Amino acid sequence: MPEVEIIREEIFVVDRCEVNSYGDLLVTDQQGNEHKVNNKHQSIHKMFENGKAVKVGYGKYMNREFIHTAVQVADEIDRQAPKKAQPIATVTRPETSKPKAEPVDIREDERRKIRSMSISYAKDMCVAGTIDRGEIAAWARFYEGYMLGHIKPKDTDVFRKILASLDCEIVK
């Protein structure tokens, strides 16, 4: 296999790291940028520690850049790096007797994933014979609302509420 050519280098300070279900390391720097270290490069995963500055080298494969090398850099760069803003105070909400379902604030790509899953669930119900084909859209909206936190599990008669809010009729 040919040697990978480093096409560019970058230095950033690690804010947090997590491993996804594929074994890839997902690194977020202190500026909020996300970096992915492929699971094939697990030998460099240990270089990414919270609060440490790392110099990464990017290689290119099939017109896609990937992190190929990583080295922790000197402590002086850590001191020069801008620090993440710390909260001044923490606000706690008073507890109520009934917990309220609050809509989840999510990114647009997550919203698309939820919409796709909800359509898939509704389609599965149609294939199983639980609902008719004309009800797929309404049930998909129901699942989407539930996953986004707009519908509480204890709501009764939620399907009728969803149909009413969608301003649609069931076509058979």
Protein backbone atom coordinates (compact mmCIF):
# COMPACT_ATOMS: atom_id res chain seq x y z
CA MET A 1 0.00 0.00 0.00
CA PRO A 2 1.47 3.42 -0.91
CA GLU A 3 2.50 5.84 1.81
CA VAL A 4 -0.17 8.42 2.63
CA GLU A 5 0.84 11.97 1.79
CA ILE A 6 -0.04 14.60 4.42
CA ILE A 7 -1.81 17.37 2.51
CA ARG A 8 -2.39 19.79 5.39
CA GLU A 9 -1.89 20.14 9.13
CA GLU A 10 -4.02 21.76 11.81
CA ILE A 11 -3.61 22.49 15.52
CA PHE A 12 -6.61 22.66 17.82
CA VAL A 13 -7.49 22.22 21.49
CA VAL A 14 -9.72 19.25 22.29
CA ASP A 15 -12.95 20.07 24.12
CA ARG A 16 -14.53 16.60 24.23
CA CYS A 17 -14.29 13.15 22.64
CA GLU A 18 -16.68 10.27 22.17
CA VAL A 19 -16.60 6.98 20.29
CA ASN A 20 -19.49 6.26 17.92
CA SER A 21 -21.04 2.85 17.24
CA TYR A 22 -18.51 2.17 14.45
CA GLY A 23 -15.51 2.72 16.73
CA ASP A 24 -14.62 6.09 15.19
CA LEU A 25 -13.45 8.81 17.59
CA LEU A 26 -15.54 11.99 17.30
CA VAL A 27 -13.54 14.97 18.55
CA THR A 28 -14.97 18.43 19.16
CA ASP A 29 -12.50 21.29 19.52
CA GLN A 30 -12.99 24.36 21.69
CA GLN A 31 -14.29 26.36 18.73
CA GLY A 32 -17.08 23.80 18.25
CA ASN A 33 -15.65 22.18 15.09
CA GLU A 34 -16.05 18.43 14.82
CA HIS A 35 -13.28 16.09 13.69
CA LYS A 36 -13.56 12.35 13.04
CA VAL A 37 -10.71 9.89 13.56
CA ASN A 38 -11.46 6.65 11.74
CA ASN A 39 -11.43 3.44 13.77
CA LYS A 40 -8.61 2.21 11.49
CA HIS A 41 -6.41 4.80 13.20
CA GLN A 42 -7.08 3.68 16.78
CA SER A 43 -3.38 3.98 17.57
CA ILE A 44 -3.72 7.79 17.56
CA HIS A 45 -7.02 7.91 19.51
CA LYS A 46 -5.04 8.23 22.77
CA MET A 47 -3.56 11.55 21.58
CA PHE A 48 -6.93 13.28 21.94
CA GLU A 49 -7.41 14.32 25.57
CA ASN A 50 -9.80 16.99 26.81
CA GLY A 51 -8.06 20.35 27.18
CA LYS A 52 -4.91 19.28 25.28
CA ALA A 53 -3.65 20.83 22.06
CA VAL A 54 -3.18 18.39 19.20
CA LYS A 55 -1.47 18.78 15.85
CA VAL A 56 -3.20 16.61 13.24
CA GLY A 57 -2.09 15.72 9.74
CA TYR A 58 -4.73 15.17 7.07
CA GLY A 59 -4.31 12.62 4.31
CA LYS A 60 -6.49 12.22 1.23
CA TYR A 61 -8.16 9.04 -0.03
CA MET A 62 -10.74 8.95 -2.82
CA ASN A 63 -11.00 12.76 -2.73
CA ARG A 64 -11.86 12.76 1.01
CA GLU A 65 -9.67 14.14 3.75
CA PHE A 66 -9.09 12.12 6.89
CA ILE A 67 -6.97 12.48 10.01
CA HIS A 68 -3.90 10.31 9.49
CA THR A 69 -1.48 11.58 12.13
CA ALA A 70 -1.85 13.20 15.53
CA VAL A 71 0.68 14.51 18.03
CA GLN A 72 0.07 16.35 21.29
CA VAL A 73 1.87 19.67 21.20
CA ALA A 74 3.65 21.55 23.98
CA ASP A 75 1.86 22.92 27.03
CA GLU A 76 2.66 26.48 25.95
CA ILE A 77 0.24 26.13 23.04
CA ASP A 78 -2.40 24.92 25.50
CA ARG A 79 -1.91 28.13 27.48
CA GLN A 80 -2.08 30.30 24.33
CA ALA A 81 -5.24 28.63 23.06
CA PRO A 82 -8.47 30.50 23.75
CA LYS A 83 -10.29 29.07 26.74
CA LYS A 84 -13.86 27.92 26.48
CA ALA A 85 -16.28 30.31 28.13
CA GLN A 86 -17.44 29.13 31.54
CA PRO A 87 -21.02 29.78 32.67
CA ILE A 88 -21.40 32.57 35.21
CA ALA A 89 -24.32 31.02 37.05
CA THR A 90 -26.49 27.96 36.89
CA VAL A 91 -30.23 28.44 36.77
CA THR A 92 -32.39 25.68 38.17
CA ARG A 93 -36.06 25.37 37.42
CA PRO A 94 -38.49 24.90 40.29
CA GLU A 95 -39.90 21.39 40.40
CA THR A 96 -43.56 20.97 39.57
CA SER A 97 -45.90 18.14 40.42
CA LYS A 98 -46.39 17.23 36.75
CA PRO A 99 -43.34 17.04 34.47
CA LYS A 100 -43.95 18.78 31.18
CA ALA A 101 -42.81 17.43 27.84
CA GLU A 102 -40.46 20.01 26.38
CA PRO A 103 -39.60 20.06 22.69
CA VAL A 104 -36.03 19.00 22.09
CA ASP A 105 -33.75 21.57 20.44
CA ILE A 106 -31.99 19.59 17.73
CA ARG A 107 -30.06 20.26 14.55
CA GLU A 108 -31.64 20.00 11.12
CA ASP A 109 -29.75 16.80 10.21
CA GLU A 110 -31.08 15.12 13.36
CA ARG A 111 -34.58 16.33 12.49
CA ARG A 112 -34.24 14.70 9.05
CA LYS A 113 -33.17 11.42 10.65
CA ILE A 114 -36.17 11.51 12.99
CA ARG A 115 -38.51 12.26 10.09
CA SER A 116 -37.05 9.35 8.11
CA MET A 117 -37.44 6.97 11.05
CA SER A 118 -41.02 8.06 11.67
CA ILE A 119 -41.96 7.46 8.02
CA SER A 120 -40.29 4.05 8.21
CA TYR A 121 -42.24 3.12 11.37
CA ALA A 122 -45.52 4.17 9.77
CA LYS A 123 -44.69 2.20 6.62
CA ASP A 124 -43.93 -0.88 8.75
CA MET A 125 -47.34 -0.55 10.39
CA CYS A 126 -48.96 -0.46 6.93
CA VAL A 127 -47.01 -3.53 5.78
CA ALA A 128 -48.07 -5.35 8.96
CA GLY A 129 -51.69 -4.50 8.18
CA THR A 130 -52.19 -2.41 11.32
CA ILE A 131 -53.05 0.77 9.37
CA ASP A 132 -54.22 1.58 5.86
CA ARG A 133 -51.97 3.11 3.23
CA GLY A 134 -53.74 6.47 3.47
CA GLU A 135 -52.87 6.73 7.17
CA ILE A 136 -49.09 6.52 6.71
CA ALA A 137 -48.53 10.31 6.60
CA ALA A 138 -50.62 10.96 9.68
CA TRP A 139 -48.91 8.23 11.70
CA ALA A 140 -45.49 9.42 10.53
CA ARG A 141 -46.35 12.90 11.86
CA PHE A 142 -47.46 11.31 15.12
CA TYR A 143 -44.15 9.43 15.53
CA GLU A 144 -42.16 12.51 14.58
CA GLY A 145 -43.99 14.62 17.17
CA TYR A 146 -43.41 11.97 19.83
CA MET A 147 -39.67 11.67 19.05
CA LEU A 148 -39.27 15.44 19.09
CA GLY A 149 -40.94 15.65 22.51
CA HIS A 150 -44.11 17.44 21.43
CA ILE A 151 -46.33 14.55 22.56
CA LYS A 152 -46.28 13.13 26.08
CA PRO A 153 -46.61 9.36 26.49
CA LYS A 154 -49.57 9.83 28.85
CA ASP A 155 -51.61 11.82 26.31
CA THR A 156 -54.87 10.07 25.55
CA ASP A 157 -56.41 10.08 22.14
CA VAL A 158 -53.24 11.60 20.67
CA PHE A 159 -53.83 10.22 17.21
CA ARG A 160 -57.04 12.23 16.85
CA LYS A 161 -55.20 15.31 18.10
CA ILE A 162 -52.50 14.77 15.50
CA LEU A 163 -55.01 14.29 12.69
CA ALA A 164 -56.82 17.46 13.74
CA SER A 165 -53.60 19.47 13.85
CA LEU A 166 -52.51 18.19 10.44
CA ASP A 167 -55.75 19.36 8.83
CA CYS A 168 -55.98 16.21 6.73
CA GLU A 169 -58.34 13.35 6.19
CA ILE A 170 -57.66 9.65 5.97
CA VAL A 171 -57.85 8.37 2.40
CA LYS A 172 -58.58 4.67 1.95
